[in-house]
């Protein structure tokens, strides 16, 4: 009975260790994706800012080149859509990373709980074994003392 419980706990701990490693790998990948999404937002924001500056510069020129200003406005609208899409991807990546971080923490807590349970079970099993050994020695001593007394 004791061995069966111990073996079950060891199997669960091994499975949890594997799940913990997988969760760590998944979180690492999600963090890389979130970082890449953040870089896309930064790059898109820089492009938008640069285009706005170019639009202002083109509008200050005399005579104003309306075709250039129109082309820059269209470029800005396109870049702004890219920036908005990049922000949405970043938000999604950050939310995914947060969910995976929660999963990792849950697995870590489960692994620690199983490790404590296994240690406690081992301590109890060792105590039972020592108690049985002590009883056997006591029984042997009683038998030896009875046989010596007669």
Protein backbone atom coordinates (compact mmCIF):
# COMPACT_ATOMS: atom_id res chain seq x y z
CA UNK A 1 0.00 0.00 0.00
CA UNK A 2 2.75 2.44 1.01
CA UNK A 3 4.83 1.63 -2.07
CA UNK A 4 1.80 2.10 -4.33
CA UNK A 5 1.11 5.57 -2.96
CA UNK A 6 4.78 6.49 -3.20
CA UNK A 7 4.97 5.25 -6.80
CA UNK A 8 1.83 7.19 -7.70
CA UNK A 9 3.24 10.37 -6.16
CA UNK A 10 6.53 9.89 -8.01
CA UNK A 11 4.66 9.36 -11.30
CA UNK A 12 2.57 12.49 -10.73
CA UNK A 13 5.67 14.50 -9.84
CA UNK A 14 7.45 13.30 -12.99
CA UNK A 15 4.44 14.26 -15.11
CA UNK A 16 4.26 17.65 -13.39
CA UNK A 17 7.99 18.22 -13.93
CA UNK A 18 7.47 17.54 -17.64
CA UNK A 19 4.44 19.88 -17.77
CA UNK A 20 6.47 22.51 -15.93
CA UNK A 21 9.24 22.28 -18.53
CA UNK A 22 6.69 22.56 -21.34
CA UNK A 23 5.06 25.59 -19.70
CA UNK A 24 8.48 27.23 -19.35
CA UNK A 25 9.23 26.59 -23.00
CA UNK A 26 5.83 27.98 -24.05
CA UNK A 27 6.27 31.08 -21.88
CA UNK A 28 9.72 31.68 -23.31
CA UNK A 29 8.34 31.50 -26.85
CA UNK A 30 5.46 33.84 -25.95
CA UNK A 31 7.88 36.33 -24.41
CA UNK A 32 9.90 36.35 -27.63
CA UNK A 33 6.72 36.92 -29.65
CA UNK A 34 5.64 39.75 -27.35
CA UNK A 35 9.08 41.34 -27.68
CA UNK A 36 8.89 41.11 -31.48
CA UNK A 37 5.40 42.65 -31.42
CA UNK A 38 6.69 45.47 -29.21
CA UNK A 39 9.49 46.15 -31.69
CA UNK A 40 6.92 46.27 -34.53
CA UNK A 41 4.89 48.86 -32.59
CA UNK A 42 8.00 50.93 -31.97
CA UNK A 43 9.07 50.77 -35.62
CA UNK A 44 5.57 51.63 -36.85
CA UNK A 45 5.31 54.56 -34.44
CA UNK A 46 8.65 55.91 -35.64
CA UNK A 47 7.53 55.64 -39.29
CA UNK A 48 4.27 57.48 -38.49
CA UNK A 49 6.12 60.24 -36.64
CA UNK A 50 8.57 60.64 -39.49
CA UNK A 51 5.77 60.83 -42.06
CA UNK A 52 3.90 63.46 -40.01
CA UNK A 53 7.09 65.51 -39.88
CA UNK A 54 7.46 65.12 -43.67
CA UNK A 55 3.84 66.22 -44.19
CA UNK A 56 4.39 69.34 -42.10
CA UNK A 57 7.61 70.12 -43.95
CA UNK A 58 5.89 69.66 -47.33
CA UNK A 59 3.00 71.94 -46.27
CA UNK A 60 5.41 74.70 -45.22
CA UNK A 61 7.10 74.78 -48.63
CA UNK A 62 6.05 77.54 -50.96
CA UNK A 63 4.54 76.86 -53.32
CA UNK A 64 3.04 73.77 -51.60
CA UNK A 65 3.35 70.55 -53.59
CA UNK A 66 -0.22 69.26 -53.14
CA UNK A 67 0.53 65.96 -54.86
CA UNK A 68 3.35 65.28 -52.43
CA UNK A 69 1.20 66.28 -49.45
CA UNK A 70 -1.61 63.99 -50.70
CA UNK A 71 0.79 61.09 -51.22
CA UNK A 72 2.25 61.60 -47.75
CA UNK A 73 -1.26 61.65 -46.23
CA UNK A 74 -2.08 58.35 -47.94
CA UNK A 75 1.22 56.92 -46.74
CA UNK A 76 0.45 58.11 -43.22
CA UNK A 77 -3.01 56.50 -43.24
CA UNK A 78 -1.44 53.23 -44.39
CA UNK A 79 1.26 53.46 -41.71
CA UNK A 80 -1.35 54.32 -39.09
CA UNK A 81 -3.33 51.18 -39.98
CA UNK A 82 -0.09 49.19 -39.65
CA UNK A 83 0.56 50.79 -36.26
CA UNK A 84 -2.94 49.99 -35.03
CA UNK A 85 -2.59 46.38 -36.22
CA UNK A 86 0.81 46.11 -34.53
CA UNK A 87 -0.67 47.45 -31.28
CA UNK A 88 -3.46 44.87 -31.47
CA UNK A 89 -0.89 42.08 -32.04
CA UNK A 90 1.16 43.37 -29.11
CA UNK A 91 -1.87 43.38 -26.82
CA UNK A 92 -2.75 39.84 -27.89
CA UNK A 93 0.83 38.67 -27.40
CA UNK A 94 1.01 40.26 -23.94
CA UNK A 95 -2.29 38.66 -22.91
CA UNK A 96 -1.11 35.29 -24.20
CA UNK A 97 2.15 35.68 -22.29
CA UNK A 98 0.24 36.55 -19.10
CA UNK A 99 -1.96 33.44 -19.45
CA UNK A 100 1.12 31.27 -19.96
CA UNK A 101 2.81 32.90 -16.96
CA UNK A 102 -0.24 31.98 -14.86
CA UNK A 103 -0.08 28.41 -16.20
CA UNK A 104 3.61 28.20 -15.34
CA UNK A 105 2.95 29.45 -11.81
CA UNK A 106 0.15 26.90 -11.35
CA UNK A 107 2.42 24.09 -12.52
CA UNK A 108 5.21 25.31 -10.27
CA UNK A 109 2.90 25.35 -7.25
CA UNK A 110 1.65 21.85 -8.13
CA UNK A 111 5.23 20.60 -8.46
CA UNK A 112 6.15 22.05 -5.06
CA UNK A 113 3.04 20.53 -3.47
CA UNK A 114 3.81 17.10 -4.91
CA UNK A 115 7.43 17.35 -3.77
CA UNK A 116 6.26 18.17 -0.22
CA UNK A 117 3.71 15.33 -0.32
CA UNK A 118 6.35 12.89 -1.53
CA UNK A 119 8.81 13.99 1.18
CA UNK A 120 6.12 13.70 3.85
CA UNK A 121 5.02 10.30 2.58
CA UNK A 122 8.64 9.11 2.55
CA UNK A 123 9.12 10.34 6.11
CA UNK A 124 5.94 8.55 7.24
CA UNK A 125 6.96 5.37 5.41
CA UNK A 126 10.42 5.49 6.99
CA UNK A 127 8.81 5.98 10.40
CA UNK A 128 6.55 2.95 9.85
CA UNK A 129 9.53 0.89 8.67
CA UNK A 130 11.59 1.93 11.70
CA UNK A 131 8.65 1.15 13.97
CA UNK A 132 8.29 -2.30 12.38
CA UNK A 133 12.03 -2.92 12.73
CA UNK A 134 11.91 -1.84 16.35
CA UNK A 135 8.96 -4.18 17.00
CA UNK A 136 10.78 -7.10 15.32
CA UNK A 137 13.88 -6.46 17.42
CA UNK A 138 11.77 -6.22 20.54
CA UNK A 139 9.97 -9.50 19.69
CA UNK A 140 13.32 -11.19 19.03
CA UNK A 141 14.69 -9.91 22.34
CA UNK A 142 11.58 -11.15 24.19
CA UNK A 143 11.86 -14.58 22.55
CA UNK A 144 15.54 -14.75 23.33
CA UNK A 145 14.98 -13.71 26.94
CA UNK A 146 12.16 -16.27 27.36
CA UNK A 147 14.21 -19.05 25.89
CA UNK A 148 17.13 -18.10 28.10
CA UNK A 149 14.91 -17.96 31.22
CA UNK A 150 13.58 -21.48 30.81
